[in-house]
Amino acid sequence: MSLLNLLFEEEFSEDSEDFKAVVADASKDVEEKDKPAVKAMLKDVFTSNKKIGDILGISEAREARLYVDACKMYESGQYPQAESLFTLLYGFRPSSDKYLFALAASIHRQERYDEAMMYYFMYPSVKPEDPKGYYHAADCLRNLNRNEAAFESLGTALLYTHGRPEYEKLGDTIQEEMAALEAIIEKENSSKTSKKVNKKDSNKTD
């Protein structure tokens, strides 16, 4: 979560634990003599408006090849490897919706639901009014047993499908999932109420 935390920090500090963790991760396969250069490059990224791709001089063609490679890894089930490349690509172009979504999906596939959820909720910042981020965040929330929050996220996703033919099928799916989830929530709430009543009756008996 260190990279994600850095993206949200109001004021950058090279002494922060998050920055140290990002530097350590980026430098783990780098020779000792080259580690200061890696740290300097990352500091430049987080203290300026530069993109990693611009600093490294990565061409658009090379960037496109990396994306194809990352997609192949994802499709073949190599999710950790795909995540590494998507993280790199997202660093190149933080405004790219496809890189951000692919990164979230690769983390989601590894069942790191908390982290994937955060990236999905960031998705509307680069692609406003797209329901997919909220829809997939809801699945993460369900897996975290946060059913009411998942229901709300599905509701938001549904709003962004209204009147948009390209999302008609997704809208139908969301409505079905909301109905099923609503039944689960009602059952959970009913169970909680029953337990409270039984506890009160037990206290009266005592």
Protein backbone atom coordinates (compact mmCIF):
# COMPACT_ATOMS: atom_id res chain seq x y z
CA MET A 1 0.00 0.00 0.00
CA SER A 2 3.08 2.28 0.21
CA LEU A 3 2.78 3.59 -3.36
CA LEU A 4 -0.94 4.22 -2.91
CA ASN A 5 -0.30 6.08 0.35
CA LEU A 6 2.29 8.30 -1.35
CA LEU A 7 -0.20 9.28 -4.04
CA PHE A 8 -2.52 10.62 -1.34
CA GLU A 9 0.09 12.42 0.80
CA GLU A 10 -0.45 16.18 0.90
CA GLU A 11 3.23 16.91 1.48
CA PHE A 12 6.03 14.68 0.21
CA SER A 13 8.83 13.67 2.59
CA GLU A 14 11.75 11.47 1.60
CA ASP A 15 11.98 10.40 5.26
CA SER A 16 8.46 8.94 5.25
CA GLU A 17 8.14 5.19 5.73
CA ASP A 18 6.02 4.93 2.57
CA PHE A 19 8.71 6.54 0.40
CA LYS A 20 11.41 4.36 1.96
CA ALA A 21 9.31 1.27 1.23
CA VAL A 22 8.78 2.29 -2.41
CA VAL A 23 12.51 2.97 -2.85
CA ALA A 24 13.42 -0.37 -1.24
CA ASP A 25 11.03 -2.25 -3.50
CA ALA A 26 12.25 -0.48 -6.64
CA SER A 27 15.90 -1.05 -5.67
CA LYS A 28 15.77 -4.70 -4.63
CA ASP A 29 17.23 -6.00 -7.91
CA VAL A 30 19.54 -3.03 -8.47
CA GLU A 31 23.28 -3.01 -7.79
CA GLU A 32 24.31 -1.13 -4.65
CA LYS A 33 26.15 1.56 -6.61
CA ASP A 34 22.99 2.36 -8.61
CA LYS A 35 20.55 2.58 -5.68
CA PRO A 36 21.13 6.32 -5.01
CA ALA A 37 20.17 7.04 -8.64
CA VAL A 38 16.92 5.08 -8.23
CA LYS A 39 16.10 7.03 -5.07
CA ALA A 40 16.86 10.35 -6.79
CA MET A 41 14.64 9.43 -9.75
CA LEU A 42 11.72 8.49 -7.50
CA LYS A 43 12.15 11.66 -5.46
CA ASP A 44 12.01 13.65 -8.69
CA VAL A 45 8.74 11.93 -9.61
CA PHE A 46 7.01 12.67 -6.31
CA THR A 47 8.25 16.26 -5.99
CA SER A 48 7.42 17.38 -9.53
CA ASN A 49 4.79 16.95 -12.19
CA LYS A 50 7.05 14.67 -14.19
CA LYS A 51 6.00 11.16 -15.09
CA ILE A 52 8.35 8.21 -14.67
CA GLY A 53 8.06 7.47 -18.38
CA ASP A 54 9.21 10.98 -19.26
CA ILE A 55 12.18 10.77 -16.90
CA LEU A 56 13.28 7.39 -18.25
CA GLY A 57 12.61 8.38 -21.82
CA ILE A 58 10.29 5.44 -22.47
CA SER A 59 8.88 5.60 -26.00
CA GLU A 60 5.18 5.18 -26.72
CA ALA A 61 5.97 2.04 -28.71
CA ARG A 62 7.87 0.52 -25.79
CA GLU A 63 5.07 1.49 -23.44
CA ALA A 64 2.54 -0.21 -25.73
CA ARG A 65 4.63 -3.40 -25.82
CA LEU A 66 4.82 -3.45 -22.03
CA TYR A 67 1.04 -3.16 -21.86
CA VAL A 68 0.58 -6.07 -24.28
CA ASP A 69 3.02 -8.17 -22.21
CA ALA A 70 1.19 -7.28 -19.00
CA CYS A 71 -2.18 -8.22 -20.52
CA LYS A 72 -0.79 -11.58 -21.67
CA MET A 73 0.49 -12.26 -18.15
CA TYR A 74 -2.90 -11.38 -16.70
CA GLU A 75 -4.78 -13.57 -19.17
CA SER A 76 -2.48 -16.52 -18.41
CA GLY A 77 -3.05 -16.16 -14.66
CA GLN A 78 0.34 -14.64 -13.84
CA TYR A 79 -1.25 -11.98 -11.67
CA PRO A 80 1.77 -10.94 -9.53
CA GLN A 81 3.89 -10.46 -12.67
CA ALA A 82 1.07 -8.59 -14.39
CA GLU A 83 0.68 -6.39 -11.31
CA SER A 84 4.36 -5.43 -11.45
CA LEU A 85 4.09 -4.30 -15.07
CA PHE A 86 0.77 -2.52 -14.57
CA THR A 87 2.26 -0.71 -11.55
CA LEU A 88 5.13 0.44 -13.76
CA LEU A 89 2.77 1.52 -16.53
CA TYR A 90 0.51 3.37 -14.11
CA GLY A 91 3.61 5.19 -12.87
CA PHE A 92 4.32 6.15 -16.48
CA ARG A 93 0.81 7.51 -17.03
CA PRO A 94 -1.16 8.12 -13.81
CA SER A 95 -3.97 9.65 -15.86
CA SER A 96 -4.51 6.44 -17.84
CA ASP A 97 -7.79 4.75 -16.94
CA LYS A 98 -6.81 1.44 -18.57
CA TYR A 99 -3.57 1.17 -16.56
CA LEU A 100 -5.31 1.98 -13.29
CA PHE A 101 -8.15 -0.46 -13.93
CA ALA A 102 -5.77 -3.23 -15.00
CA LEU A 103 -3.68 -2.69 -11.87
CA ALA A 104 -6.77 -2.91 -9.68
CA ALA A 105 -7.92 -6.07 -11.47
CA SER A 106 -4.57 -7.84 -11.09
CA ILE A 107 -4.59 -7.10 -7.35
CA HIS A 108 -8.24 -8.16 -7.13
CA ARG A 109 -7.36 -11.53 -8.70
CA GLN A 110 -4.82 -12.07 -5.93
CA GLU A 111 -7.61 -11.60 -3.37
CA ARG A 112 -6.02 -8.50 -1.83
CA TYR A 113 -9.46 -6.98 -1.59
CA ASP A 114 -8.67 -3.94 0.57
CA GLU A 115 -5.98 -2.72 -1.80
CA ALA A 116 -7.93 -3.52 -4.97
CA MET A 117 -10.96 -1.69 -3.59
CA MET A 118 -8.91 1.48 -3.06
CA TYR A 119 -7.69 1.45 -6.66
CA TYR A 120 -11.21 0.80 -7.96
CA PHE A 121 -12.49 3.79 -6.00
CA MET A 122 -9.70 5.88 -7.55
CA TYR A 123 -10.86 4.87 -11.03
CA PRO A 124 -13.63 7.53 -11.34
CA SER A 125 -10.98 10.22 -10.82
CA VAL A 126 -9.48 9.32 -14.21
CA LYS A 127 -12.69 8.15 -15.91
CA PRO A 128 -15.68 9.94 -14.36
CA GLU A 129 -19.15 8.44 -14.64
CA ASP A 130 -17.83 4.99 -15.57
CA PRO A 131 -19.69 2.41 -13.44
CA LYS A 132 -17.05 -0.33 -13.64
CA GLY A 133 -14.91 0.93 -10.76
CA TYR A 134 -17.85 1.02 -8.35
CA TYR A 135 -19.11 -2.35 -9.61
CA HIS A 136 -15.83 -4.18 -8.99
CA ALA A 137 -15.23 -2.34 -5.72
CA ALA A 138 -18.54 -3.83 -4.57
CA ASP A 139 -17.19 -7.34 -5.14
CA CYS A 140 -14.17 -6.50 -2.98
CA LEU A 141 -16.46 -5.19 -0.25
CA ARG A 142 -18.58 -8.35 -0.38
CA ASN A 143 -15.46 -10.45 0.06
CA LEU A 144 -14.57 -8.30 3.08
CA ASN A 145 -18.04 -9.03 4.53
CA ARG A 146 -19.04 -5.39 4.16
CA ASN A 147 -22.34 -6.11 2.48
CA GLU A 148 -24.08 -2.80 3.17
CA ALA A 149 -21.14 -0.84 1.75
CA ALA A 150 -21.13 -3.20 -1.24
CA PHE A 151 -24.84 -2.52 -1.78
CA GLU A 152 -24.19 1.25 -1.78
CA SER A 153 -21.32 0.85 -4.25
CA LEU A 154 -23.56 -1.19 -6.57
CA GLY A 155 -26.21 1.52 -6.28
CA THR A 156 -23.71 4.16 -7.38
CA ALA A 157 -22.61 1.98 -10.29
CA LEU A 158 -26.25 1.53 -11.31
CA LEU A 159 -26.78 5.30 -11.44
CA TYR A 160 -24.02 5.61 -14.03
CA THR A 161 -25.62 2.96 -16.27
CA HIS A 162 -28.96 4.79 -16.62
CA GLY A 163 -29.69 5.99 -20.14
CA ARG A 164 -26.44 4.56 -21.51
CA PRO A 165 -26.99 1.70 -24.00
CA GLU A 166 -23.38 0.52 -23.73
CA TYR A 167 -23.95 -0.29 -20.05
CA GLU A 168 -27.46 -1.76 -20.36
CA LYS A 169 -26.29 -5.35 -19.79
CA LEU A 170 -24.13 -4.33 -16.84
CA GLY A 171 -27.09 -2.42 -15.39
CA ASP A 172 -29.23 -5.57 -15.54
CA THR A 173 -26.49 -7.56 -13.81
CA ILE A 174 -26.14 -4.93 -11.10
CA GLN A 175 -29.88 -4.96 -10.38
CA GLU A 176 -29.83 -8.74 -10.02
CA GLU A 177 -26.84 -8.58 -7.67
CA MET A 178 -28.42 -5.80 -5.62
CA ALA A 179 -31.60 -7.86 -5.16
CA ALA A 180 -29.58 -10.87 -4.00
CA LEU A 181 -27.43 -8.75 -1.71
CA GLU A 182 -30.46 -6.99 -0.23
CA ALA A 183 -31.87 -10.39 0.77
CA ILE A 184 -28.58 -11.30 2.45
CA ILE A 185 -28.48 -7.99 4.34
CA GLU A 186 -32.08 -8.41 5.52
CA LYS A 187 -31.27 -11.92 6.74
CA GLU A 188 -28.18 -10.66 8.57
CA ASN A 189 -30.13 -7.84 10.22
CA SER A 190 -32.92 -10.23 11.20
CA SER A 191 -30.37 -12.57 12.77
CA LYS A 192 -28.81 -9.70 14.74
CA THR A 193 -32.25 -8.63 16.00
CA SER A 194 -33.08 -12.18 17.09
CA LYS A 195 -29.81 -12.45 19.01
CA LYS A 196 -30.52 -9.17 20.82
CA VAL A 197 -34.03 -10.34 21.78
CA ASN A 198 -32.72 -13.69 23.01
CA LYS A 199 -30.05 -11.93 25.05
CA LYS A 200 -32.64 -9.67 26.69
CA ASP A 201 -34.87 -12.67 27.51
CA SER A 202 -31.88 -14.50 28.97
CA ASN A 203 -31.04 -11.52 31.19
CA LYS A 204 -34.64 -11.38 32.45
CA THR A 205 -34.53 -15.09 33.34
CA ASP A 206 -31.28 -14.62 35.22
